[in-house]
Amino acid sequence: MTAGLMGPPPAGDAVDPLAPEHVAPLVVYLASPAAEAINGEVFVVHGGVAAVLDPPRIRATFQAAEHGSADGMWTLESVGRALAGLSSGAGFMCEDTLALASETIGFPGRAEGASP
């Protein structure tokens, strides 16, 4: 579903800034006791660039009971009904971090040919 979002990985020996090994150190740190005071944050990682986004805000609210849940608690089916058709329509939301990644490791931004 998201495989084509950022286009193919770089060819040859070029660094793939979206490879799991570039995100894993942040994930491990956040799961460690050292990060116990960090919560509710949204991070974006492109290779050697990590960004902390502004706090999200509520755009829509869904209640399980209004989407077929008999007991008012979420089931896979009620989640599917509630979220059917939901899309921001905005595409990749962190294009500003692409510029940072391009500056640090040469990752191409949209203007340089990355796929939408």
PDB file of N, CA and C in Angstrom:
ATOM      1  N   MET A   1       0.819  -1.196   0.000  1.00  0.00           N
ATOM      2  CA  MET A   1       0.000   0.000   0.000  1.00  0.00           C
ATOM      3  C   MET A   1       0.862   1.258   0.000  1.00  0.00           C
ATOM      4  N   THR A   2       1.987   1.262   0.714  1.00  0.00           N
ATOM      5  CA  THR A   2       2.821   2.457   0.760  1.00  0.00           C
ATOM      6  C   THR A   2       4.139   2.275   0.019  1.00  0.00           C
ATOM      7  N   ALA A   3       4.315   1.144  -0.658  1.00  0.00           N
ATOM      8  CA  ALA A   3       5.593   0.828  -1.296  1.00  0.00           C
ATOM      9  C   ALA A   3       6.040   1.903  -2.281  1.00  0.00           C
ATOM     10  N   GLY A   4       5.144   2.485  -3.032  1.00  0.00           N
ATOM     11  CA  GLY A   4       5.514   3.486  -4.013  1.00  0.00           C
ATOM     12  C   GLY A   4       5.494   4.904  -3.493  1.00  0.00           C
ATOM     13  N   LEU A   5       5.232   5.096  -2.229  1.00  0.00           N
ATOM     14  CA  LEU A   5       5.074   6.436  -1.666  1.00  0.00           C
ATOM     15  C   LEU A   5       6.305   7.308  -1.880  1.00  0.00           C
ATOM     16  N   MET A   6       7.481   6.759  -1.636  1.00  0.00           N
ATOM     17  CA  MET A   6       8.702   7.543  -1.749  1.00  0.00           C
ATOM     18  C   MET A   6       9.556   7.138  -2.948  1.00  0.00           C
ATOM     19  N   GLY A   7       9.022   6.286  -3.801  1.00  0.00           N
ATOM     20  CA  GLY A   7       9.786   5.852  -4.960  1.00  0.00           C
ATOM     21  C   GLY A   7      10.729   4.717  -4.594  1.00  0.00           C
ATOM     22  N   PRO A   8      11.470   4.241  -5.569  1.00  0.00           N
ATOM     23  CA  PRO A   8      12.374   3.119  -5.321  1.00  0.00           C
ATOM     24  C   PRO A   8      13.577   3.561  -4.490  1.00  0.00           C
ATOM     25  N   PRO A   9      14.227   2.607  -3.801  1.00  0.00           N
ATOM     26  CA  PRO A   9      15.446   2.961  -3.065  1.00  0.00           C
ATOM     27  C   PRO A   9      16.538   3.383  -4.039  1.00  0.00           C
ATOM     28  N   PRO A  10      17.505   4.139  -3.564  1.00  0.00           N
ATOM     29  CA  PRO A  10      18.601   4.570  -4.432  1.00  0.00           C
ATOM     30  C   PRO A  10      19.345   3.369  -5.014  1.00  0.00           C
ATOM     31  N   ALA A  11      19.868   3.536  -6.193  1.00  0.00           N
ATOM     32  CA  ALA A  11      20.593   2.462  -6.876  1.00  0.00           C
ATOM     33  C   ALA A  11      22.029   2.374  -6.370  1.00  0.00           C
ATOM     34  N   GLY A  12      22.598   1.217  -6.559  1.00  0.00           N
ATOM     35  CA  GLY A  12      24.016   1.022  -6.247  1.00  0.00           C
ATOM     36  C   GLY A  12      24.322   1.111  -4.773  1.00  0.00           C
ATOM     37  N   ASP A  13      25.425   1.790  -4.461  1.00  0.00           N
ATOM     38  CA  ASP A  13      25.895   1.896  -3.078  1.00  0.00           C
ATOM     39  C   ASP A  13      25.339   3.115  -2.347  1.00  0.00           C
ATOM     40  N   ALA A  14      24.408   3.830  -2.950  1.00  0.00           N
ATOM     41  CA  ALA A  14      23.844   5.028  -2.316  1.00  0.00           C
ATOM     42  C   ALA A  14      23.088   4.648  -1.051  1.00  0.00           C
ATOM     43  N   VAL A  15      23.125   5.511  -0.079  1.00  0.00           N
ATOM     44  CA  VAL A  15      22.426   5.291   1.184  1.00  0.00           C
ATOM     45  C   VAL A  15      20.925   5.362   0.960  1.00  0.00           C
ATOM     46  N   ASP A  16      20.196   4.384   1.483  1.00  0.00           N
ATOM     47  CA  ASP A  16      18.732   4.412   1.460  1.00  0.00           C
ATOM     48  C   ASP A  16      18.265   4.998   2.779  1.00  0.00           C
ATOM     49  N   PRO A  17      17.880   6.270   2.809  1.00  0.00           N
ATOM     50  CA  PRO A  17      17.535   6.927   4.065  1.00  0.00           C
ATOM     51  C   PRO A  17      16.271   6.384   4.722  1.00  0.00           C
ATOM     52  N   LEU A  18      15.490   5.605   3.986  1.00  0.00           N
ATOM     53  CA  LEU A  18      14.260   5.058   4.560  1.00  0.00           C
ATOM     54  C   LEU A  18      14.427   3.617   5.018  1.00  0.00           C
ATOM     55  N   ALA A  19      15.627   3.070   4.928  1.00  0.00           N
ATOM     56  CA  ALA A  19      15.875   1.692   5.335  1.00  0.00           C
ATOM     57  C   ALA A  19      15.675   1.539   6.843  1.00  0.00           C
ATOM     58  N   PRO A  20      15.156   0.395   7.270  1.00  0.00           N
ATOM     59  CA  PRO A  20      14.873   0.177   8.699  1.00  0.00           C
ATOM     60  C   PRO A  20      16.061   0.422   9.620  1.00  0.00           C
ATOM     61  N   GLU A  21      17.260   0.120   9.160  1.00  0.00           N
ATOM     62  CA  GLU A  21      18.418   0.304  10.043  1.00  0.00           C
ATOM     63  C   GLU A  21      18.666   1.764  10.404  1.00  0.00           C
ATOM     64  N   HIS A  22      18.089   2.688   9.657  1.00  0.00           N
ATOM     65  CA  HIS A  22      18.244   4.101   9.991  1.00  0.00           C
ATOM     66  C   HIS A  22      17.179   4.574  10.979  1.00  0.00           C
ATOM     67  N   VAL A  23      16.102   3.852  11.085  1.00  0.00           N
ATOM     68  CA  VAL A  23      15.032   4.187  12.021  1.00  0.00           C
ATOM     69  C   VAL A  23      15.213   3.431  13.332  1.00  0.00           C
ATOM     70  N   ALA A  24      15.778   2.219  13.265  1.00  0.00           N
ATOM     71  CA  ALA A  24      15.889   1.337  14.425  1.00  0.00           C
ATOM     72  C   ALA A  24      16.569   1.987  15.634  1.00  0.00           C
ATOM     73  N   PRO A  25      17.667   2.740  15.489  1.00  0.00           N
ATOM     74  CA  PRO A  25      18.277   3.331  16.684  1.00  0.00           C
ATOM     75  C   PRO A  25      17.328   4.258  17.448  1.00  0.00           C
ATOM     76  N   LEU A  26      16.526   5.033  16.717  1.00  0.00           N
ATOM     77  CA  LEU A  26      15.554   5.903  17.386  1.00  0.00           C
ATOM     78  C   LEU A  26      14.492   5.072  18.093  1.00  0.00           C
ATOM     79  N   VAL A  27      14.009   4.031  17.455  1.00  0.00           N
ATOM     80  CA  VAL A  27      12.988   3.173  18.053  1.00  0.00           C
ATOM     81  C   VAL A  27      13.527   2.511  19.315  1.00  0.00           C
ATOM     82  N   VAL A  28      14.744   1.986  19.245  1.00  0.00           N
ATOM     83  CA  VAL A  28      15.351   1.350  20.424  1.00  0.00           C
ATOM     84  C   VAL A  28      15.514   2.355  21.551  1.00  0.00           C
ATOM     85  N   TYR A  29      15.991   3.542  21.228  1.00  0.00           N
ATOM     86  CA  TYR A  29      16.146   4.565  22.259  1.00  0.00           C
ATOM     87  C   TYR A  29      14.801   4.903  22.906  1.00  0.00           C
ATOM     88  N   LEU A  30      13.770   5.087  22.069  1.00  0.00           N
ATOM     89  CA  LEU A  30      12.455   5.443  22.604  1.00  0.00           C
ATOM     90  C   LEU A  30      11.862   4.332  23.464  1.00  0.00           C
ATOM     91  N   ALA A  31      12.268   3.099  23.220  1.00  0.00           N
ATOM     92  CA  ALA A  31      11.775   1.971  24.015  1.00  0.00           C
ATOM     93  C   ALA A  31      12.606   1.759  25.285  1.00  0.00           C
ATOM     94  N   SER A  32      13.662   2.522  25.450  1.00  0.00           N
ATOM     95  CA  SER A  32      14.563   2.336  26.594  1.00  0.00           C
ATOM     96  C   SER A  32      14.154   3.219  27.775  1.00  0.00           C
ATOM     97  N   PRO A  33      14.663   2.895  28.965  1.00  0.00           N
ATOM     98  CA  PRO A  33      14.397   3.729  30.143  1.00  0.00           C
ATOM     99  C   PRO A  33      14.886   5.170  29.975  1.00  0.00           C
ATOM    100  N   ALA A  34      15.892   5.384  29.137  1.00  0.00           N
ATOM    101  CA  ALA A  34      16.421   6.736  28.942  1.00  0.00           C
ATOM    102  C   ALA A  34      15.380   7.684  28.361  1.00  0.00           C
ATOM    103  N   ALA A  35      14.357   7.146  27.703  1.00  0.00           N
ATOM    104  CA  ALA A  35      13.335   7.975  27.065  1.00  0.00           C
ATOM    105  C   ALA A  35      12.028   7.991  27.851  1.00  0.00           C
ATOM    106  N   GLU A  36      12.092   7.672  29.131  1.00  0.00           N
ATOM    107  CA  GLU A  36      10.856   7.560  29.902  1.00  0.00           C
ATOM    108  C   GLU A  36      10.030   8.848  29.948  1.00  0.00           C
ATOM    109  N   ALA A  37      10.644   9.980  29.749  1.00  0.00           N
ATOM    110  CA  ALA A  37       9.901  11.244  29.787  1.00  0.00           C
ATOM    111  C   ALA A  37       9.349  11.639  28.418  1.00  0.00           C
ATOM    112  N   ILE A  38       9.656  10.873  27.386  1.00  0.00           N
ATOM    113  CA  ILE A  38       9.184  11.194  26.038  1.00  0.00           C
ATOM    114  C   ILE A  38       7.928  10.381  25.759  1.00  0.00           C
ATOM    115  N   ASN A  39       6.837  11.053  25.504  1.00  0.00           N
ATOM    116  CA  ASN A  39       5.605  10.353  25.116  1.00  0.00           C
ATOM    117  C   ASN A  39       4.732  11.285  24.299  1.00  0.00           C
ATOM    118  N   GLY A  40       3.917  10.693  23.454  1.00  0.00           N
ATOM    119  CA  GLY A  40       2.995  11.464  22.635  1.00  0.00           C
ATOM    120  C   GLY A  40       3.656  12.222  21.500  1.00  0.00           C
ATOM    121  N   GLU A  41       4.896  11.925  21.188  1.00  0.00           N
ATOM    122  CA  GLU A  41       5.602  12.624  20.121  1.00  0.00           C
ATOM    123  C   GLU A  41       5.505  11.846  18.817  1.00  0.00           C
ATOM    124  N   VAL A  42       5.569  12.557  17.715  1.00  0.00           N
ATOM    125  CA  VAL A  42       5.582  11.946  16.389  1.00  0.00           C
ATOM    126  C   VAL A  42       6.913  12.311  15.744  1.00  0.00           C
ATOM    127  N   PHE A  43       7.667  11.280  15.354  1.00  0.00           N
ATOM    128  CA  PHE A  43       8.980  11.472  14.749  1.00  0.00           C
ATOM    129  C   PHE A  43       8.945  11.069  13.283  1.00  0.00           C
ATOM    130  N   VAL A  44       9.771  11.728  12.488  1.00  0.00           N
ATOM    131  CA  VAL A  44      10.006  11.351  11.100  1.00  0.00           C
ATOM    132  C   VAL A  44      11.517  11.197  10.963  1.00  0.00           C
ATOM    133  N   VAL A  45      11.949  10.090  10.360  1.00  0.00           N
ATOM    134  CA  VAL A  45      13.377   9.849  10.176  1.00  0.00           C
ATOM    135  C   VAL A  45      13.658   9.618   8.696  1.00  0.00           C
ATOM    136  N   HIS A  46      14.613  10.362   8.178  1.00  0.00           N
ATOM    137  CA  HIS A  46      15.133  10.161   6.819  1.00  0.00           C
ATOM    138  C   HIS A  46      16.640  10.063   6.969  1.00  0.00           C
ATOM    139  N   GLY A  47      17.153   8.848   7.004  1.00  0.00           N
ATOM    140  CA  GLY A  47      18.593   8.669   7.123  1.00  0.00           C
ATOM    141  C   GLY A  47      19.130   9.304   8.377  1.00  0.00           C
ATOM    142  N   GLY A  48      20.008  10.276   8.237  1.00  0.00           N
ATOM    143  CA  GLY A  48      20.621  10.943   9.373  1.00  0.00           C
ATOM    144  C   GLY A  48      19.856  12.136   9.901  1.00  0.00           C
ATOM    145  N   VAL A  49      18.636  12.320   9.459  1.00  0.00           N
ATOM    146  CA  VAL A  49      17.805  13.434   9.925  1.00  0.00           C
ATOM    147  C   VAL A  49      16.605  12.883  10.674  1.00  0.00           C
ATOM    148  N   ALA A  50      16.388  13.388  11.874  1.00  0.00           N
ATOM    149  CA  ALA A  50      15.178  13.048  12.633  1.00  0.00           C
ATOM    150  C   ALA A  50      14.455  14.351  12.948  1.00  0.00           C
ATOM    151  N   ALA A  51      13.152  14.348  12.797  1.00  0.00           N
ATOM    152  CA  ALA A  51      12.353  15.536  13.077  1.00  0.00           C
ATOM    153  C   ALA A  51      11.244  15.163  14.058  1.00  0.00           C
ATOM    154  N   VAL A  52      10.950  16.065  14.968  1.00  0.00           N
ATOM    155  CA  VAL A  52       9.814  15.905  15.874  1.00  0.00           C
ATOM    156  C   VAL A  52       8.731  16.837  15.361  1.00  0.00           C
ATOM    157  N   LEU A  53       7.565  16.279  15.071  1.00  0.00           N
ATOM    158  CA  LEU A  53       6.472  17.072  14.522  1.00  0.00           C
ATOM    159  C   LEU A  53       5.708  17.781  15.625  1.00  0.00           C
ATOM    160  N   ASP A  54       5.005  18.818  15.253  1.00  0.00           N
ATOM    161  CA  ASP A  54       4.107  19.466  16.197  1.00  0.00           C
ATOM    162  C   ASP A  54       3.051  18.463  16.626  1.00  0.00           C
ATOM    163  N   PRO A  55       2.493  18.650  17.818  1.00  0.00           N
ATOM    164  CA  PRO A  55       1.467  17.707  18.275  1.00  0.00           C
ATOM    165  C   PRO A  55       0.298  17.638  17.296  1.00  0.00           C
ATOM    166  N   PRO A  56      -0.187  16.425  17.072  1.00  0.00           N
ATOM    167  CA  PRO A  56      -1.359  16.297  16.193  1.00  0.00           C
ATOM    168  C   PRO A  56      -2.601  16.871  16.862  1.00  0.00           C
ATOM    169  N   ARG A  57      -3.594  17.139  16.064  1.00  0.00           N
ATOM    170  CA  ARG A  57      -4.873  17.605  16.604  1.00  0.00           C
ATOM    171  C   ARG A  57      -5.972  16.686  16.091  1.00  0.00           C
ATOM    172  N   ILE A  58      -7.061  16.651  16.789  1.00  0.00           N
ATOM    173  CA  ILE A  58      -8.168  15.770  16.402  1.00  0.00           C
ATOM    174  C   ILE A  58      -8.866  16.358  15.186  1.00  0.00           C
ATOM    175  N   ARG A  59      -8.973  15.546  14.145  1.00  0.00           N
ATOM    176  CA  ARG A  59      -9.660  15.939  12.922  1.00  0.00           C
ATOM    177  C   ARG A  59     -11.021  15.284  12.830  1.00  0.00           C
ATOM    178  N   ALA A  60     -11.123  14.065  13.364  1.00  0.00           N
ATOM    179  CA  ALA A  60     -12.381  13.322  13.319  1.00  0.00           C
ATOM    180  C   ALA A  60     -12.437  12.392  14.520  1.00  0.00           C
ATOM    181  N   THR A  61     -13.628  12.087  14.979  1.00  0.00           N
ATOM    182  CA  THR A  61     -13.833  11.174  16.095  1.00  0.00           C
ATOM    183  C   THR A  61     -14.807  10.094  15.659  1.00  0.00           C
ATOM    184  N   PHE A  62     -14.532   8.872  16.068  1.00  0.00           N
ATOM    185  CA  PHE A  62     -15.367   7.725  15.719  1.00  0.00           C
ATOM    186  C   PHE A  62     -15.736   6.967  16.980  1.00  0.00           C
ATOM    187  N   GLN A  63     -16.953   6.464  17.036  1.00  0.00           N
ATOM    188  CA  GLN A  63     -17.386   5.629  18.148  1.00  0.00           C
ATOM    189  C   GLN A  63     -17.752   4.257  17.604  1.00  0.00           C
ATOM    190  N   ALA A  64     -17.206   3.237  18.249  1.00  0.00           N
ATOM    191  CA  ALA A  64     -17.394   1.864  17.779  1.00  0.00           C
ATOM    192  C   ALA A  64     -18.867   1.496  17.664  1.00  0.00           C
ATOM    193  N   ALA A  65     -19.672   1.927  18.613  1.00  0.00           N
ATOM    194  CA  ALA A  65     -21.097   1.571  18.604  1.00  0.00           C
ATOM    195  C   ALA A  65     -21.816   2.090  17.365  1.00  0.00           C
ATOM    196  N   GLU A  66     -21.329   3.173  16.793  1.00  0.00           N
ATOM    197  CA  GLU A  66     -21.948   3.735  15.594  1.00  0.00           C
ATOM    198  C   GLU A  66     -21.505   3.016  14.319  1.00  0.00           C
ATOM    199  N   HIS A  67     -20.617   2.042  14.472  1.00  0.00           N
ATOM    200  CA  HIS A  67     -20.074   1.348  13.304  1.00  0.00           C
ATOM    201  C   HIS A  67     -20.207  -0.163  13.439  1.00  0.00           C
ATOM    202  N   GLY A  68     -21.261  -0.599  14.107  1.00  0.00           N
ATOM    203  CA  GLY A  68     -21.593  -2.013  14.131  1.00  0.00           C
ATOM    204  C   GLY A  68     -21.079  -2.810  15.305  1.00  0.00           C
ATOM    205  N   SER A  69     -20.476  -2.185  16.286  1.00  0.00           N
ATOM    206  CA  SER A  69     -19.999  -2.924  17.454  1.00  0.00           C
ATOM    207  C   SER A  69     -21.149  -3.131  18.432  1.00  0.00           C
ATOM    208  N   ALA A  70     -21.413  -4.387  18.753  1.00  0.00           N
ATOM    209  CA  ALA A  70     -22.537  -4.708  19.642  1.00  0.00           C
ATOM    210  C   ALA A  70     -22.319  -4.209  21.066  1.00  0.00           C
ATOM    211  N   ASP A  71     -21.069  -4.260  21.556  1.00  0.00           N
ATOM    212  CA  ASP A  71     -20.815  -3.862  22.938  1.00  0.00           C
ATOM    213  C   ASP A  71     -20.163  -2.491  23.062  1.00  0.00           C
ATOM    214  N   GLY A  72     -20.016  -1.773  21.950  1.00  0.00           N
ATOM    215  CA  GLY A  72     -19.435  -0.434  21.981  1.00  0.00           C
ATOM    216  C   GLY A  72     -17.919  -0.417  21.990  1.00  0.00           C
ATOM    217  N   MET A  73     -17.281  -1.587  21.911  1.00  0.00           N
ATOM    218  CA  MET A  73     -15.825  -1.679  21.871  1.00  0.00           C
ATOM    219  C   MET A  73     -15.398  -1.994  20.438  1.00  0.00           C
ATOM    220  N   TRP A  74     -14.190  -1.621  20.083  1.00  0.00           N
ATOM    221  CA  TRP A  74     -13.720  -1.803  18.718  1.00  0.00           C
ATOM    222  C   TRP A  74     -13.481  -3.263  18.377  1.00  0.00           C
ATOM    223  N   THR A  75     -13.905  -3.625  17.183  1.00  0.00           N
ATOM    224  CA  THR A  75     -13.568  -4.901  16.560  1.00  0.00           C
ATOM    225  C   THR A  75     -12.904  -4.562  15.234  1.00  0.00           C
ATOM    226  N   LEU A  76     -12.263  -5.523  14.622  1.00  0.00           N
ATOM    227  CA  LEU A  76     -11.633  -5.255  13.327  1.00  0.00           C
ATOM    228  C   LEU A  76     -12.673  -4.776  12.314  1.00  0.00           C
ATOM    229  N   GLU A  77     -13.849  -5.379  12.341  1.00  0.00           N
ATOM    230  CA  GLU A  77     -14.902  -5.003  11.393  1.00  0.00           C
ATOM    231  C   GLU A  77     -15.399  -3.579  11.642  1.00  0.00           C
ATOM    232  N   SER A  78     -15.596  -3.193  12.913  1.00  0.00           N
ATOM    233  CA  SER A  78     -16.101  -1.843  13.185  1.00  0.00           C
ATOM    234  C   SER A  78     -15.041  -0.784  12.867  1.00  0.00           C
ATOM    235  N   VAL A  79     -13.764  -1.123  13.082  1.00  0.00           N
ATOM    236  CA  VAL A  79     -12.697  -0.196  12.690  1.00  0.00           C
ATOM    237  C   VAL A  79     -12.727  -0.009  11.175  1.00  0.00           C
ATOM    238  N   GLY A  80     -12.868  -1.115  10.444  1.00  0.00           N
ATOM    239  CA  GLY A  80     -12.937  -1.040   8.986  1.00  0.00           C
ATOM    240  C   GLY A  80     -14.076  -0.167   8.508  1.00  0.00           C
ATOM    241  N   ARG A  81     -15.234  -0.305   9.135  1.00  0.00           N
ATOM    242  CA  ARG A  81     -16.388   0.526   8.751  1.00  0.00           C
ATOM    243  C   ARG A  81     -16.153   1.992   9.086  1.00  0.00           C
ATOM    244  N   ALA A  82     -15.587   2.239  10.257  1.00  0.00           N
ATOM    245  CA  ALA A  82     -15.368   3.620  10.697  1.00  0.00           C
ATOM    246  C   ALA A  82     -14.356   4.345   9.816  1.00  0.00           C
ATOM    247  N   LEU A  83     -13.322   3.619   9.387  1.00  0.00           N
ATOM    248  CA  LEU A  83     -12.250   4.267   8.648  1.00  0.00           C
ATOM    249  C   LEU A  83     -12.352   4.123   7.137  1.00  0.00           C
ATOM    250  N   ALA A  84     -13.375   3.427   6.660  1.00  0.00           N
ATOM    251  CA  ALA A  84     -13.554   3.252   5.222  1.00  0.00           C
ATOM    252  C   ALA A  84     -13.629   4.622   4.541  1.00  0.00           C
ATOM    253  N   GLY A  85     -12.798   4.819   3.569  1.00  0.00           N
ATOM    254  CA  GLY A  85     -12.818   6.071   2.821  1.00  0.00           C
ATOM    255  C   GLY A  85     -12.066   7.210   3.472  1.00  0.00           C
ATOM    256  N   LEU A  86     -11.520   7.004   4.670  1.00  0.00           N
ATOM    257  CA  LEU A  86     -10.794   8.077   5.338  1.00  0.00           C
ATOM    258  C   LEU A  86      -9.443   8.274   4.670  1.00  0.00           C
ATOM    259  N   SER A  87      -9.162   9.475   4.268  1.00  0.00           N
ATOM    260  CA  SER A  87      -7.880   9.802   3.651  1.00  0.00           C
ATOM    261  C   SER A  87      -7.647  11.288   3.842  1.00  0.00           C
ATOM    262  N   SER A  88      -6.416  11.637   4.150  1.00  0.00           N
ATOM    263  CA  SER A  88      -6.104  13.059   4.279  1.00  0.00           C
ATOM    264  C   SER A  88      -6.067  13.719   2.910  1.00  0.00           C
ATOM    265  N   GLY A  89      -5.795  12.905   1.868  1.00  0.00           N
ATOM    266  CA  GLY A  89      -5.688  13.457   0.532  1.00  0.00           C
ATOM    267  C   GLY A  89      -4.453  14.298   0.335  1.00  0.00           C
ATOM    268  N   ALA A  90      -3.596  14.344   1.358  1.00  0.00           N
ATOM    269  CA  ALA A  90      -2.442  15.229   1.295  1.00  0.00           C
ATOM    270  C   ALA A  90      -1.178  14.554   0.805  1.00  0.00           C
ATOM    271  N   GLY A  91      -1.204  13.247   0.605  1.00  0.00           N
ATOM    272  CA  GLY A  91       0.018  12.557   0.204  1.00  0.00           C
ATOM    273  C   GLY A  91       0.992  12.469   1.353  1.00  0.00           C
ATOM    274  N   PHE A  92       2.275  12.518   1.048  1.00  0.00           N
ATOM    275  CA  PHE A  92       3.301  12.414   2.078  1.00  0.00           C
ATOM    276  C   PHE A  92       3.372  13.736   2.817  1.00  0.00           C
ATOM    277  N   MET A  93       3.132  13.714   4.115  1.00  0.00           N
ATOM    278  CA  MET A  93       2.977  14.940   4.888  1.00  0.00           C
ATOM    279  C   MET A  93       4.279  15.565   5.372  1.00  0.00           C
ATOM    280  N   CYS A  94       5.405  14.934   5.189  1.00  0.00           N
ATOM    281  CA  CYS A  94       6.646  15.436   5.769  1.00  0.00           C
ATOM    282  C   CYS A  94       7.641  15.850   4.706  1.00  0.00           C
ATOM    283  N   GLU A  95       7.165  16.526   3.696  1.00  0.00           N
ATOM    284  CA  GLU A  95       8.045  16.923   2.609  1.00  0.00           C
ATOM    285  C   GLU A  95       9.141  17.866   3.077  1.00  0.00           C
ATOM    286  N   ASP A  96       8.907  18.626   4.150  1.00  0.00           N
ATOM    287  CA  ASP A  96       9.952  19.513   4.631  1.00  0.00           C
ATOM    288  C   ASP A  96      11.152  18.736   5.146  1.00  0.00           C
ATOM    289  N   THR A  97      10.964  17.513   5.653  1.00  0.00           N
ATOM    290  CA  THR A  97      12.101  16.728   6.103  1.00  0.00           C
ATOM    291  C   THR A  97      12.875  16.140   4.928  1.00  0.00           C
ATOM    292  N   LEU A  98      12.249  16.039   3.770  1.00  0.00           N
ATOM    293  CA  LEU A  98      12.974  15.571   2.590  1.00  0.00           C
ATOM    294  C   LEU A  98      14.096  16.546   2.229  1.00  0.00           C
ATOM    295  N   ALA A  99      13.831  17.837   2.385  1.00  0.00           N
ATOM    296  CA  ALA A  99      14.872  18.827   2.096  1.00  0.00           C
ATOM    297  C   ALA A  99      16.041  18.662   3.047  1.00  0.00           C
ATOM    298  N   LEU A 100      15.757  18.407   4.326  1.00  0.00           N
ATOM    299  CA  LEU A 100      16.829  18.182   5.295  1.00  0.00           C
ATOM    300  C   LEU A 100      17.633  16.941   4.943  1.00  0.00           C
ATOM    301  N   ALA A 101      16.934  15.873   4.564  1.00  0.00           N
ATOM    302  CA  ALA A 101      17.626  14.639   4.188  1.00  0.00           C
ATOM    303  C   ALA A 101      18.483  14.867   2.955  1.00  0.00           C
ATOM    304  N   SER A 102      17.988  15.645   2.026  1.00  0.00           N
ATOM    305  CA  SER A 102      18.758  15.940   0.816  1.00  0.00           C
ATOM    306  C   SER A 102      20.032  16.700   1.166  1.00  0.00           C
ATOM    307  N   GLU A 103      19.927  17.628   2.116  1.00  0.00           N
ATOM    308  CA  GLU A 103      21.100  18.409   2.524  1.00  0.00           C
ATOM    309  C   GLU A 103      22.137  17.537   3.221  1.00  0.00           C
ATOM    310  N   THR A 104      21.703  16.562   4.022  1.00  0.00           N
ATOM    311  CA  THR A 104      22.649  15.796   4.819  1.00  0.00           C
ATOM    312  C   THR A 104      23.204  14.577   4.117  1.00  0.00           C
ATOM    313  N   ILE A 105      22.372  13.861   3.330  1.00  0.00           N
ATOM    314  CA  ILE A 105      22.850  12.626   2.711  1.00  0.00           C
ATOM    315  C   ILE A 105      22.533  12.543   1.229  1.00  0.00           C
ATOM    316  N   GLY A 106      22.016  13.621   0.657  1.00  0.00           N
ATOM    317  CA  GLY A 106      21.779  13.631  -0.777  1.00  0.00           C
ATOM    318  C   GLY A 106      20.536  12.892  -1.227  1.00  0.00           C
ATOM    319  N   PHE A 107      19.585  12.671  -0.319  1.00  0.00           N
ATOM    320  CA  PHE A 107      18.339  12.020  -0.690  1.00  0.00           C
ATOM    321  C   PHE A 107      17.533  12.960  -1.567  1.00  0.00           C
ATOM    322  N   PRO A 108      17.079  12.504  -2.742  1.00  0.00           N
ATOM    323  CA  PRO A 108      16.363  13.424  -3.639  1.00  0.00           C
ATOM    324  C   PRO A 108      14.990  13.791  -3.110  1.00  0.00           C
ATOM    325  N   GLY A 109      14.681  15.064  -3.125  1.00  0.00           N
ATOM    326  CA  GLY A 109      13.336  15.523  -2.785  1.00  0.00           C
ATOM    327  C   GLY A 109      12.432  15.400  -3.984  1.00  0.00           C
ATOM    328  N   ARG A 110      11.165  15.723  -3.838  1.00  0.00           N
ATOM    329  CA  ARG A 110      10.211  15.620  -4.932  1.00  0.00           C
ATOM    330  C   ARG A 110      10.654  16.410  -6.159  1.00  0.00           C
ATOM    331  N   ALA A 111      11.161  17.577  -5.931  1.00  0.00           N
ATOM    332  CA  ALA A 111      11.557  18.423  -7.061  1.00  0.00           C
ATOM    333  C   ALA A 111      12.685  17.782  -7.872  1.00  0.00           C
ATOM    334  N   GLU A 112      13.413  16.855  -7.251  1.00  0.00           N
ATOM    335  CA  GLU A 112      14.520  16.219  -7.939  1.00  0.00           C
ATOM    336  C   GLU A 112      14.139  14.863  -8.496  1.00  0.00           C
ATOM    337  N   GLY A 113      12.858  14.501  -8.479  1.00  0.00           N
ATOM    338  CA  GLY A 113      12.442  13.295  -9.157  1.00  0.00           C
ATOM    339  C   GLY A 113      11.894  12.181  -8.306  1.00  0.00           C
ATOM    340  N   ALA A 114      11.706  12.378  -7.009  1.00  0.00           N
ATOM    341  CA  ALA A 114      11.115  11.312  -6.200  1.00  0.00           C
ATOM    342  C   ALA A 114       9.665  11.130  -6.590  1.00  0.00           C
ATOM    343  N   SER A 115       9.162   9.917  -6.507  1.00  0.00           N
ATOM    344  CA  SER A 115       7.775   9.628  -6.856  1.00  0.00           C
ATOM    345  C   SER A 115       6.841  10.100  -5.778  1.00  0.00           C
ATOM    346  N   PRO A 116       5.645  10.573  -6.117  1.00  0.00           N
ATOM    347  CA  PRO A 116       4.666  10.969  -5.114  1.00  0.00           C
ATOM    348  C   PRO A 116       4.099   9.768  -4.415  1.00  0.00           C
TER     349      PRO A 116
END
